[in-house]
């Protein structure tokens, strides 16, 4: 039981050392991630349409 207490005390101590980002920084990073995911999804959608068109052309 003492080992668990020591572990939890150390975890709390390490969490106090963490430099947490500001709300604005988190919002900006989230916006960048969402934008990049949308761009990659759009690219893959267009790529898929092109490959589908090519396959239909070759196998028709």
Protein backbone atom coordinates (compact mmCIF):
# COMPACT_ATOMS: atom_id res chain seq x y z
CA UNK A 1 0.00 0.00 0.00
CA UNK A 2 2.89 2.36 0.72
CA UNK A 3 4.21 1.82 -2.81
CA UNK A 4 0.92 2.99 -4.30
CA UNK A 5 0.95 6.13 -2.12
CA UNK A 6 4.51 6.90 -3.18
CA UNK A 7 3.62 6.39 -6.82
CA UNK A 8 0.59 8.68 -6.62
CA UNK A 9 2.59 11.35 -4.79
CA UNK A 10 5.22 11.25 -7.54
CA UNK A 11 2.55 11.45 -10.25
CA UNK A 12 1.04 14.55 -8.64
CA UNK A 13 4.52 16.07 -8.33
CA UNK A 14 5.23 15.46 -12.03
CA UNK A 15 1.86 16.89 -13.07
CA UNK A 16 2.69 20.11 -11.21
CA UNK A 17 5.79 20.49 -13.39
CA UNK A 18 3.81 20.33 -16.64
CA UNK A 19 3.50 23.61 -18.55
CA UNK A 20 -0.12 23.54 -19.71
CA UNK A 21 -0.94 25.41 -22.95
CA UNK A 22 -3.29 28.39 -22.92
CA UNK A 23 -6.86 28.12 -24.17
CA UNK A 24 -5.99 30.24 -27.20
CA UNK A 25 -3.06 28.00 -28.14
CA UNK A 26 -5.22 24.88 -27.83
CA UNK A 27 -7.94 26.47 -29.98
CA UNK A 28 -5.40 27.50 -32.64
CA UNK A 29 -3.79 24.03 -32.71
CA UNK A 30 -7.21 22.37 -32.91
CA UNK A 31 -8.16 24.61 -35.84
CA UNK A 32 -4.95 23.68 -37.66
CA UNK A 33 -5.56 19.96 -37.10
CA UNK A 34 -9.19 20.15 -38.26
CA UNK A 35 -8.15 22.13 -41.37
CA UNK A 36 -5.41 19.66 -42.27
CA UNK A 37 -7.73 16.68 -41.78
CA UNK A 38 -10.30 18.32 -44.06
CA UNK A 39 -7.66 19.01 -46.72
CA UNK A 40 -6.32 15.44 -46.64
CA UNK A 41 -9.86 14.03 -46.70
CA UNK A 42 -10.68 16.22 -49.72
CA UNK A 43 -7.51 15.14 -51.50
CA UNK A 44 -8.25 11.46 -50.86
CA UNK A 45 -11.85 11.92 -52.04
CA UNK A 46 -10.69 13.47 -55.32
CA UNK A 47 -7.98 10.81 -55.70
CA UNK A 48 -10.59 8.09 -55.16
CA UNK A 49 -12.88 9.63 -57.78
CA UNK A 50 -9.98 9.69 -60.25
CA UNK A 51 -9.00 6.08 -59.59
CA UNK A 52 -12.66 5.03 -59.85
CA UNK A 53 -12.98 6.83 -63.19
CA UNK A 54 -9.77 5.21 -64.45
CA UNK A 55 -10.87 1.71 -63.39
CA UNK A 56 -14.25 2.15 -65.06
CA UNK A 57 -12.48 3.34 -68.22
CA UNK A 58 -10.07 0.37 -68.24
CA UNK A 59 -12.60 -2.36 -67.37
CA UNK A 60 -15.61 -1.16 -69.41
